[in-house]
């Protein structure tokens, strides 16, 4: 067999292997996304944990692929939010450190593989803000990291609804001296404008467009705090239109009715 033929066969083998690797990667991502979509909409920790397992395995198989690290970080970020929302069983510091560390690692890897990933920076900024929120003294050494992640996020995510939503939520739920509702509302309103544009446009990706229902609830909460229950109700109801399974929106509406702010 001459060298030319051997070289051609080697090239064909490499192309076949590359095509198979790409197909395996796509299959892993689609499987994880199906699980994440279920977990996110139903706000179900077991489904989120299944997605975490899928993306963990994908990261082991495809360690240089940005997308699997992004999605593993995104899933773990939402698992952190899910656990943080369990007010009946508040997190102790060791569990909080474990969850924030686990969520941060793949997001940091994603930003190294794709420096323009505004969403990963926004999630890292949110996690940093949560760490400061548990102990405000940490602002002395974590404040610069928070501002760095926020700056990167806004630089690359001016037209990204999830980036705007996360930055707005960070200001909204952070200490007053770091922003507060007045600072966060413009970002949340911008995010909803971008979510609306995104929902009308043809999306090339089938990836879950997460965050919109939470963003709408947060906008409603700001208007409620401003003494505008009618506007607040509009956003709570819109959140339910976006995600009929949203327990966050249902609880917000129930609370509004209890206060006499809803006609239902």
C-alpha atoms as a PDB file:
ATOM      1  CA  UNK A   1       0.000   0.000   0.000  1.00  0.00           C
ATOM      2  CA  UNK A   2       1.555   3.311  -1.069  1.00  0.00           C
ATOM      3  CA  UNK A   3       2.008   6.262   1.247  1.00  0.00           C
ATOM      4  CA  UNK A   4      -0.620   8.372  -0.502  1.00  0.00           C
ATOM      5  CA  UNK A   5      -3.308   5.761   0.091  1.00  0.00           C
ATOM      6  CA  UNK A   6      -2.254   5.322   3.731  1.00  0.00           C
ATOM      7  CA  UNK A   7      -2.448   9.077   4.256  1.00  0.00           C
ATOM      8  CA  UNK A   8      -5.903   9.200   2.702  1.00  0.00           C
ATOM      9  CA  UNK A   9      -7.139   6.376   4.890  1.00  0.00           C
ATOM     10  CA  UNK A  10      -5.703   8.087   7.973  1.00  0.00           C
ATOM     11  CA  UNK A  11      -7.452  11.336   7.080  1.00  0.00           C
ATOM     12  CA  UNK A  12     -10.736   9.503   6.521  1.00  0.00           C
ATOM     13  CA  UNK A  13     -10.372   7.761   9.882  1.00  0.00           C
ATOM     14  CA  UNK A  14      -9.745  11.084  11.613  1.00  0.00           C
ATOM     15  CA  UNK A  15     -12.767  12.667   9.920  1.00  0.00           C
ATOM     16  CA  UNK A  16     -14.982   9.738  10.924  1.00  0.00           C
ATOM     17  CA  UNK A  17     -13.730   9.932  14.513  1.00  0.00           C
ATOM     18  CA  UNK A  18     -14.315  13.696  14.610  1.00  0.00           C
ATOM     19  CA  UNK A  19     -17.821  13.297  13.209  1.00  0.00           C
ATOM     20  CA  UNK A  20     -18.631  10.618  15.795  1.00  0.00           C
ATOM     21  CA  UNK A  21     -17.266  12.790  18.604  1.00  0.00           C
ATOM     22  CA  UNK A  22     -19.420  15.707  17.436  1.00  0.00           C
ATOM     23  CA  UNK A  23     -22.490  13.458  17.282  1.00  0.00           C
ATOM     24  CA  UNK A  24     -21.784  12.110  20.779  1.00  0.00           C
ATOM     25  CA  UNK A  25     -21.361  15.657  22.091  1.00  0.00           C
ATOM     26  CA  UNK A  26     -24.651  16.775  20.572  1.00  0.00           C
ATOM     27  CA  UNK A  27     -26.437  13.732  21.981  1.00  0.00           C
ATOM     28  CA  UNK A  28     -25.048  14.414  25.474  1.00  0.00           C
ATOM     29  CA  UNK A  29     -26.103  18.061  25.345  1.00  0.00           C
ATOM     30  CA  UNK A  30     -29.606  17.298  24.085  1.00  0.00           C
ATOM     31  CA  UNK A  31     -30.131  14.688  26.809  1.00  0.00           C
ATOM     32  CA  UNK A  32     -29.006  17.112  29.508  1.00  0.00           C
ATOM     33  CA  UNK A  33     -31.139  19.924  28.110  1.00  0.00           C
ATOM     34  CA  UNK A  34     -34.274  17.766  28.170  1.00  0.00           C
ATOM     35  CA  UNK A  35     -33.682  17.044  31.844  1.00  0.00           C
ATOM     36  CA  UNK A  36     -32.852  20.664  32.638  1.00  0.00           C
ATOM     37  CA  UNK A  37     -35.977  21.911  30.865  1.00  0.00           C
ATOM     38  CA  UNK A  38     -38.168  19.626  32.997  1.00  0.00           C
ATOM     39  CA  UNK A  39     -36.346  20.541  36.189  1.00  0.00           C
ATOM     40  CA  UNK A  40     -36.423  24.261  35.501  1.00  0.00           C
ATOM     41  CA  UNK A  41     -40.099  24.576  34.544  1.00  0.00           C
ATOM     42  CA  UNK A  42     -41.344  22.316  37.350  1.00  0.00           C
ATOM     43  CA  UNK A  43     -38.638  23.628  39.711  1.00  0.00           C
ATOM     44  CA  UNK A  44     -37.875  20.011  40.523  1.00  0.00           C
ATOM     45  CA  UNK A  45     -34.569  19.235  42.199  1.00  0.00           C
ATOM     46  CA  UNK A  46     -34.476  15.580  41.137  1.00  0.00           C
ATOM     47  CA  UNK A  47     -34.766  16.498  37.460  1.00  0.00           C
ATOM     48  CA  UNK A  48     -32.073  19.142  37.901  1.00  0.00           C
ATOM     49  CA  UNK A  49     -29.874  16.532  39.591  1.00  0.00           C
ATOM     50  CA  UNK A  50     -30.389  14.199  36.614  1.00  0.00           C
ATOM     51  CA  UNK A  51     -29.279  16.977  34.271  1.00  0.00           C
ATOM     52  CA  UNK A  52     -26.259  17.572  36.495  1.00  0.00           C
ATOM     53  CA  UNK A  53     -25.255  13.897  36.204  1.00  0.00           C
ATOM     54  CA  UNK A  54     -25.614  14.013  32.420  1.00  0.00           C
ATOM     55  CA  UNK A  55     -23.501  17.145  32.025  1.00  0.00           C
ATOM     56  CA  UNK A  56     -20.894  15.918  34.518  1.00  0.00           C
ATOM     57  CA  UNK A  57     -20.395  12.842  32.335  1.00  0.00           C
ATOM     58  CA  UNK A  58     -20.324  15.035  29.222  1.00  0.00           C
ATOM     59  CA  UNK A  59     -17.596  17.227  30.738  1.00  0.00           C
ATOM     60  CA  UNK A  60     -15.518  14.131  31.440  1.00  0.00           C
ATOM     61  CA  UNK A  61     -15.927  12.970  27.827  1.00  0.00           C
ATOM     62  CA  UNK A  62     -15.517  16.396  26.230  1.00  0.00           C
ATOM     63  CA  UNK A  63     -13.267  18.403  28.583  1.00  0.00           C
ATOM     64  CA  UNK A  64     -12.387  21.067  25.986  1.00  0.00           C
ATOM     65  CA  UNK A  65     -15.951  21.772  24.877  1.00  0.00           C
ATOM     66  CA  UNK A  66     -17.247  25.058  26.218  1.00  0.00           C
ATOM     67  CA  UNK A  67     -20.964  24.176  25.969  1.00  0.00           C
ATOM     68  CA  UNK A  68     -20.918  21.255  28.404  1.00  0.00           C
ATOM     69  CA  UNK A  69     -19.148  23.303  31.073  1.00  0.00           C
ATOM     70  CA  UNK A  70     -21.575  26.191  30.549  1.00  0.00           C
ATOM     71  CA  UNK A  71     -24.582  23.905  30.955  1.00  0.00           C
ATOM     72  CA  UNK A  72     -23.173  22.055  33.954  1.00  0.00           C
ATOM     73  CA  UNK A  73     -22.590  25.421  35.632  1.00  0.00           C
ATOM     74  CA  UNK A  74     -26.064  26.613  34.664  1.00  0.00           C
ATOM     75  CA  UNK A  75     -27.698  23.501  36.103  1.00  0.00           C
ATOM     76  CA  UNK A  76     -25.726  23.747  39.334  1.00  0.00           C
ATOM     77  CA  UNK A  77     -26.485  27.468  39.571  1.00  0.00           C
ATOM     78  CA  UNK A  78     -30.197  26.669  39.490  1.00  0.00           C
ATOM     79  CA  UNK A  79     -29.746  23.880  42.013  1.00  0.00           C
ATOM     80  CA  UNK A  80     -28.151  26.488  44.287  1.00  0.00           C
ATOM     81  CA  UNK A  81     -31.109  28.823  43.743  1.00  0.00           C
ATOM     82  CA  UNK A  82     -33.539  25.965  44.356  1.00  0.00           C
ATOM     83  CA  UNK A  83     -31.867  25.082  47.647  1.00  0.00           C
ATOM     84  CA  UNK A  84     -31.602  28.732  48.685  1.00  0.00           C
ATOM     85  CA  UNK A  85     -35.359  29.117  48.219  1.00  0.00           C
ATOM     86  CA  UNK A  86     -36.164  26.393  50.749  1.00  0.00           C
ATOM     87  CA  UNK A  87     -37.027  28.648  53.673  1.00  0.00           C
ATOM     88  CA  UNK A  88     -38.273  25.716  55.761  1.00  0.00           C
ATOM     89  CA  UNK A  89     -34.753  24.314  55.936  1.00  0.00           C
ATOM     90  CA  UNK A  90     -32.198  27.134  55.700  1.00  0.00           C
ATOM     91  CA  UNK A  91     -28.744  26.215  54.471  1.00  0.00           C
ATOM     92  CA  UNK A  92     -25.894  26.021  56.906  1.00  0.00           C
ATOM     93  CA  UNK A  93     -22.578  27.536  55.842  1.00  0.00           C
ATOM     94  CA  UNK A  94     -20.843  24.230  54.920  1.00  0.00           C
ATOM     95  CA  UNK A  95     -23.620  23.285  52.473  1.00  0.00           C
ATOM     96  CA  UNK A  96     -23.669  26.797  51.034  1.00  0.00           C
ATOM     97  CA  UNK A  97     -19.902  26.701  50.469  1.00  0.00           C
ATOM     98  CA  UNK A  98     -20.198  23.295  48.801  1.00  0.00           C
ATOM     99  CA  UNK A  99     -22.994  24.354  46.443  1.00  0.00           C
ATOM    100  CA  UNK A 100     -21.413  27.667  45.475  1.00  0.00           C
ATOM    101  CA  UNK A 101     -18.041  26.012  44.857  1.00  0.00           C
ATOM    102  CA  UNK A 102     -19.608  23.280  42.715  1.00  0.00           C
ATOM    103  CA  UNK A 103     -21.542  25.815  40.628  1.00  0.00           C
ATOM    104  CA  UNK A 104     -18.573  28.153  40.214  1.00  0.00           C
ATOM    105  CA  UNK A 105     -16.048  25.599  38.926  1.00  0.00           C
ATOM    106  CA  UNK A 106     -17.658  24.774  35.560  1.00  0.00           C
ATOM    107  CA  UNK A 107     -18.687  28.409  35.049  1.00  0.00           C
ATOM    108  CA  UNK A 108     -15.080  29.511  35.539  1.00  0.00           C
ATOM    109  CA  UNK A 109     -13.994  26.847  33.048  1.00  0.00           C
ATOM    110  CA  UNK A 110     -16.621  28.126  30.596  1.00  0.00           C
ATOM    111  CA  UNK A 111     -15.263  31.679  30.852  1.00  0.00           C
ATOM    112  CA  UNK A 112     -11.734  30.419  30.194  1.00  0.00           C
ATOM    113  CA  UNK A 113     -12.891  28.544  27.098  1.00  0.00           C
ATOM    114  CA  UNK A 114     -15.104  31.417  25.936  1.00  0.00           C
ATOM    115  CA  UNK A 115     -14.093  34.798  27.308  1.00  0.00           C
ATOM    116  CA  UNK A 116     -17.187  36.422  25.764  1.00  0.00           C
ATOM    117  CA  UNK A 117     -19.640  34.261  27.721  1.00  0.00           C
ATOM    118  CA  UNK A 118     -21.673  36.989  29.429  1.00  0.00           C
ATOM    119  CA  UNK A 119     -24.105  34.565  31.061  1.00  0.00           C
ATOM    120  CA  UNK A 120     -21.391  32.601  32.871  1.00  0.00           C
ATOM    121  CA  UNK A 121     -19.881  35.840  34.176  1.00  0.00           C
ATOM    122  CA  UNK A 122     -23.328  37.022  35.277  1.00  0.00           C
ATOM    123  CA  UNK A 123     -23.941  33.761  37.154  1.00  0.00           C
ATOM    124  CA  UNK A 124     -20.527  33.987  38.801  1.00  0.00           C
ATOM    125  CA  UNK A 125     -21.340  37.559  39.808  1.00  0.00           C
ATOM    126  CA  UNK A 126     -24.639  36.398  41.294  1.00  0.00           C
ATOM    127  CA  UNK A 127     -22.923  33.657  43.273  1.00  0.00           C
ATOM    128  CA  UNK A 128     -20.365  36.158  44.543  1.00  0.00           C
ATOM    129  CA  UNK A 129     -23.194  38.481  45.588  1.00  0.00           C
ATOM    130  CA  UNK A 130     -24.859  35.612  47.456  1.00  0.00           C
ATOM    131  CA  UNK A 131     -21.624  34.977  49.319  1.00  0.00           C
ATOM    132  CA  UNK A 132     -21.452  38.646  50.296  1.00  0.00           C
ATOM    133  CA  UNK A 133     -25.102  38.544  51.316  1.00  0.00           C
ATOM    134  CA  UNK A 134     -24.400  35.822  53.873  1.00  0.00           C
ATOM    135  CA  UNK A 135     -21.589  37.842  55.415  1.00  0.00           C
ATOM    136  CA  UNK A 136     -21.280  41.506  54.456  1.00  0.00           C
ATOM    137  CA  UNK A 137     -17.711  41.668  55.712  1.00  0.00           C
ATOM    138  CA  UNK A 138     -16.812  39.588  52.657  1.00  0.00           C
ATOM    139  CA  UNK A 139     -17.533  42.628  50.492  1.00  0.00           C
ATOM    140  CA  UNK A 140     -14.032  43.858  51.370  1.00  0.00           C
ATOM    141  CA  UNK A 141     -12.368  41.076  49.359  1.00  0.00           C
ATOM    142  CA  UNK A 142     -15.237  39.754  47.220  1.00  0.00           C
ATOM    143  CA  UNK A 143     -16.515  43.145  46.073  1.00  0.00           C
ATOM    144  CA  UNK A 144     -13.842  43.526  43.360  1.00  0.00           C
ATOM    145  CA  UNK A 145     -14.644  40.046  42.005  1.00  0.00           C
ATOM    146  CA  UNK A 146     -18.349  40.886  41.915  1.00  0.00           C
ATOM    147  CA  UNK A 147     -17.687  44.086  39.986  1.00  0.00           C
ATOM    148  CA  UNK A 148     -15.285  42.310  37.611  1.00  0.00           C
ATOM    149  CA  UNK A 149     -17.818  39.612  36.738  1.00  0.00           C
ATOM    150  CA  UNK A 150     -20.581  42.191  36.358  1.00  0.00           C
ATOM    151  CA  UNK A 151     -18.394  44.355  34.125  1.00  0.00           C
ATOM    152  CA  UNK A 152     -17.494  41.380  31.884  1.00  0.00           C
ATOM    153  CA  UNK A 153     -21.145  40.321  31.741  1.00  0.00           C
ATOM    154  CA  UNK A 154     -22.419  43.733  30.680  1.00  0.00           C
ATOM    155  CA  UNK A 155     -19.580  44.281  28.217  1.00  0.00           C
ATOM    156  CA  UNK A 156     -20.435  41.121  26.299  1.00  0.00           C
ATOM    157  CA  UNK A 157     -24.144  40.789  27.115  1.00  0.00           C
ATOM    158  CA  UNK A 158     -25.754  44.119  26.246  1.00  0.00           C
ATOM    159  CA  UNK A 159     -28.332  42.253  24.132  1.00  0.00           C
ATOM    160  CA  UNK A 160     -28.518  39.082  26.200  1.00  0.00           C
ATOM    161  CA  UNK A 161     -31.732  38.855  28.273  1.00  0.00           C
ATOM    162  CA  UNK A 162     -30.348  36.346  30.789  1.00  0.00           C
ATOM    163  CA  UNK A 163     -27.324  38.552  31.460  1.00  0.00           C
ATOM    164  CA  UNK A 164     -29.488  41.631  32.004  1.00  0.00           C
ATOM    165  CA  UNK A 165     -31.870  39.649  34.221  1.00  0.00           C
ATOM    166  CA  UNK A 166     -29.080  38.273  36.415  1.00  0.00           C
ATOM    167  CA  UNK A 167     -27.424  41.668  36.825  1.00  0.00           C
ATOM    168  CA  UNK A 168     -30.783  43.216  37.703  1.00  0.00           C
ATOM    169  CA  UNK A 169     -31.609  40.445  40.164  1.00  0.00           C
ATOM    170  CA  UNK A 170     -28.193  40.868  41.739  1.00  0.00           C
ATOM    171  CA  UNK A 171     -28.856  44.548  42.377  1.00  0.00           C
ATOM    172  CA  UNK A 172     -32.405  43.817  43.518  1.00  0.00           C
ATOM    173  CA  UNK A 173     -31.514  41.206  46.089  1.00  0.00           C
ATOM    174  CA  UNK A 174     -28.146  42.599  47.107  1.00  0.00           C
ATOM    175  CA  UNK A 175     -27.529  44.914  50.038  1.00  0.00           C
ATOM    176  CA  UNK A 176     -28.960  48.389  49.573  1.00  0.00           C
ATOM    177  CA  UNK A 177     -25.542  49.988  49.470  1.00  0.00           C
ATOM    178  CA  UNK A 178     -24.726  47.791  46.445  1.00  0.00           C
ATOM    179  CA  UNK A 179     -27.780  48.835  44.463  1.00  0.00           C
ATOM    180  CA  UNK A 180     -31.263  47.864  45.599  1.00  0.00           C
ATOM    181  CA  UNK A 181     -34.557  47.852  43.623  1.00  0.00           C
ATOM    182  CA  UNK A 182     -34.050  51.278  42.040  1.00  0.00           C
ATOM    183  CA  UNK A 183     -30.766  50.107  40.523  1.00  0.00           C
ATOM    184  CA  UNK A 184     -32.020  46.659  39.563  1.00  0.00           C
ATOM    185  CA  UNK A 185     -35.354  47.553  37.927  1.00  0.00           C
ATOM    186  CA  UNK A 186     -33.917  49.094  34.713  1.00  0.00           C
ATOM    187  CA  UNK A 187     -31.893  45.935  34.058  1.00  0.00           C
ATOM    188  CA  UNK A 188     -34.924  43.718  34.702  1.00  0.00           C
ATOM    189  CA  UNK A 189     -37.114  45.787  32.371  1.00  0.00           C
ATOM    190  CA  UNK A 190     -34.392  45.680  29.713  1.00  0.00           C
ATOM    191  CA  UNK A 191     -34.172  41.923  30.167  1.00  0.00           C
ATOM    192  CA  UNK A 192     -37.912  41.510  29.615  1.00  0.00           C
ATOM    193  CA  UNK A 193     -37.699  43.618  26.459  1.00  0.00           C
ATOM    194  CA  UNK A 194     -34.928  41.353  25.184  1.00  0.00           C
ATOM    195  CA  UNK A 195     -36.778  38.187  26.233  1.00  0.00           C
ATOM    196  CA  UNK A 196     -39.775  39.420  24.224  1.00  0.00           C
ATOM    197  CA  UNK A 197     -37.577  39.989  21.187  1.00  0.00           C
ATOM    198  CA  UNK A 198     -36.003  36.578  21.637  1.00  0.00           C
ATOM    199  CA  UNK A 199     -39.382  34.847  21.856  1.00  0.00           C
ATOM    200  CA  UNK A 200     -40.490  36.415  18.575  1.00  0.00           C
ATOM    201  CA  UNK A 201     -37.291  35.699  16.689  1.00  0.00           C
ATOM    202  CA  UNK A 202     -36.487  32.367  15.113  1.00  0.00           C
ATOM    203  CA  UNK A 203     -34.112  30.661  17.510  1.00  0.00           C
ATOM    204  CA  UNK A 204     -31.332  28.621  15.950  1.00  0.00           C
ATOM    205  CA  UNK A 205     -30.860  26.746  19.216  1.00  0.00           C
ATOM    206  CA  UNK A 206     -33.341  24.490  20.973  1.00  0.00           C
ATOM    207  CA  UNK A 207     -31.665  25.281  24.297  1.00  0.00           C
ATOM    208  CA  UNK A 208     -34.015  26.341  27.104  1.00  0.00           C
ATOM    209  CA  UNK A 209     -34.407  30.120  27.260  1.00  0.00           C
ATOM    210  CA  UNK A 210     -34.329  30.167  31.044  1.00  0.00           C
ATOM    211  CA  UNK A 211     -34.899  33.071  33.425  1.00  0.00           C
ATOM    212  CA  UNK A 212     -37.849  34.941  31.913  1.00  0.00           C
ATOM    213  CA  UNK A 213     -40.504  33.834  34.414  1.00  0.00           C
ATOM    214  CA  UNK A 214     -38.237  34.669  37.354  1.00  0.00           C
ATOM    215  CA  UNK A 215     -37.413  38.040  35.808  1.00  0.00           C
ATOM    216  CA  UNK A 216     -41.125  38.876  35.472  1.00  0.00           C
ATOM    217  CA  UNK A 217     -41.820  37.934  39.087  1.00  0.00           C
ATOM    218  CA  UNK A 218     -38.951  40.119  40.272  1.00  0.00           C
ATOM    219  CA  UNK A 219     -40.296  43.070  38.252  1.00  0.00           C
ATOM    220  CA  UNK A 220     -43.693  42.492  39.838  1.00  0.00           C
ATOM    221  CA  UNK A 221     -42.154  42.457  43.294  1.00  0.00           C
ATOM    222  CA  UNK A 222     -40.439  45.789  42.649  1.00  0.00           C
ATOM    223  CA  UNK A 223     -43.718  47.412  41.579  1.00  0.00           C
ATOM    224  CA  UNK A 224     -45.439  45.888  44.584  1.00  0.00           C
ATOM    225  CA  UNK A 225     -42.824  47.447  46.833  1.00  0.00           C
ATOM    226  CA  UNK A 226     -43.443  50.768  45.077  1.00  0.00           C
ATOM    227  CA  UNK A 227     -47.126  50.587  46.009  1.00  0.00           C
ATOM    228  CA  UNK A 228     -48.357  49.679  42.513  1.00  0.00           C
ATOM    229  CA  UNK A 229     -50.222  46.368  42.996  1.00  0.00           C
ATOM    230  CA  UNK A 230     -52.031  46.519  39.633  1.00  0.00           C
ATOM    231  CA  UNK A 231     -48.761  46.705  37.686  1.00  0.00           C
ATOM    232  CA  UNK A 232     -47.347  44.059  39.987  1.00  0.00           C
ATOM    233  CA  UNK A 233     -50.210  41.696  39.185  1.00  0.00           C
ATOM    234  CA  UNK A 234     -49.701  42.158  35.444  1.00  0.00           C
ATOM    235  CA  UNK A 235     -46.134  40.859  35.722  1.00  0.00           C
ATOM    236  CA  UNK A 236     -47.029  37.978  38.032  1.00  0.00           C
ATOM    237  CA  UNK A 237     -49.694  36.820  35.586  1.00  0.00           C
ATOM    238  CA  UNK A 238     -47.357  37.211  32.632  1.00  0.00           C
ATOM    239  CA  UNK A 239     -44.839  35.013  34.464  1.00  0.00           C
ATOM    240  CA  UNK A 240     -47.514  32.309  34.681  1.00  0.00           C
ATOM    241  CA  UNK A 241     -48.194  32.656  30.969  1.00  0.00           C
ATOM    242  CA  UNK A 242     -44.496  32.096  30.288  1.00  0.00           C
ATOM    243  CA  UNK A 243     -44.296  29.157  32.707  1.00  0.00           C
ATOM    244  CA  UNK A 244     -47.665  27.833  33.968  1.00  0.00           C
ATOM    245  CA  UNK A 245     -45.757  25.644  36.449  1.00  0.00           C
ATOM    246  CA  UNK A 246     -44.056  28.579  38.153  1.00  0.00           C
ATOM    247  CA  UNK A 247     -44.549  28.161  41.875  1.00  0.00           C
ATOM    248  CA  UNK A 248     -42.749  31.470  42.413  1.00  0.00           C
ATOM    249  CA  UNK A 249     -45.383  33.338  40.381  1.00  0.00           C
ATOM    250  CA  UNK A 250     -48.277  31.501  42.034  1.00  0.00           C
ATOM    251  CA  UNK A 251     -46.999  32.315  45.503  1.00  0.00           C
ATOM    252  CA  UNK A 252     -46.496  35.946  44.506  1.00  0.00           C
ATOM    253  CA  UNK A 253     -50.080  36.190  43.232  1.00  0.00           C
ATOM    254  CA  UNK A 254     -51.449  34.479  46.333  1.00  0.00           C
ATOM    255  CA  UNK A 255     -49.558  36.898  48.540  1.00  0.00           C
ATOM    256  CA  UNK A 256     -50.856  39.831  46.511  1.00  0.00           C
ATOM    257  CA  UNK A 257     -54.451  38.598  46.863  1.00  0.00           C
ATOM    258  CA  UNK A 258     -53.946  38.193  50.598  1.00  0.00           C
ATOM    259  CA  UNK A 259     -52.892  41.840  50.789  1.00  0.00           C
ATOM    260  CA  UNK A 260     -55.938  42.873  48.746  1.00  0.00           C
ATOM    261  CA  UNK A 261     -53.956  43.791  45.677  1.00  0.00           C
ATOM    262  CA  UNK A 262     -55.503  41.331  43.214  1.00  0.00           C
ATOM    263  CA  UNK A 263     -59.054  41.156  41.936  1.00  0.00           C
ATOM    264  CA  UNK A 264     -59.027  37.371  41.652  1.00  0.00           C
END
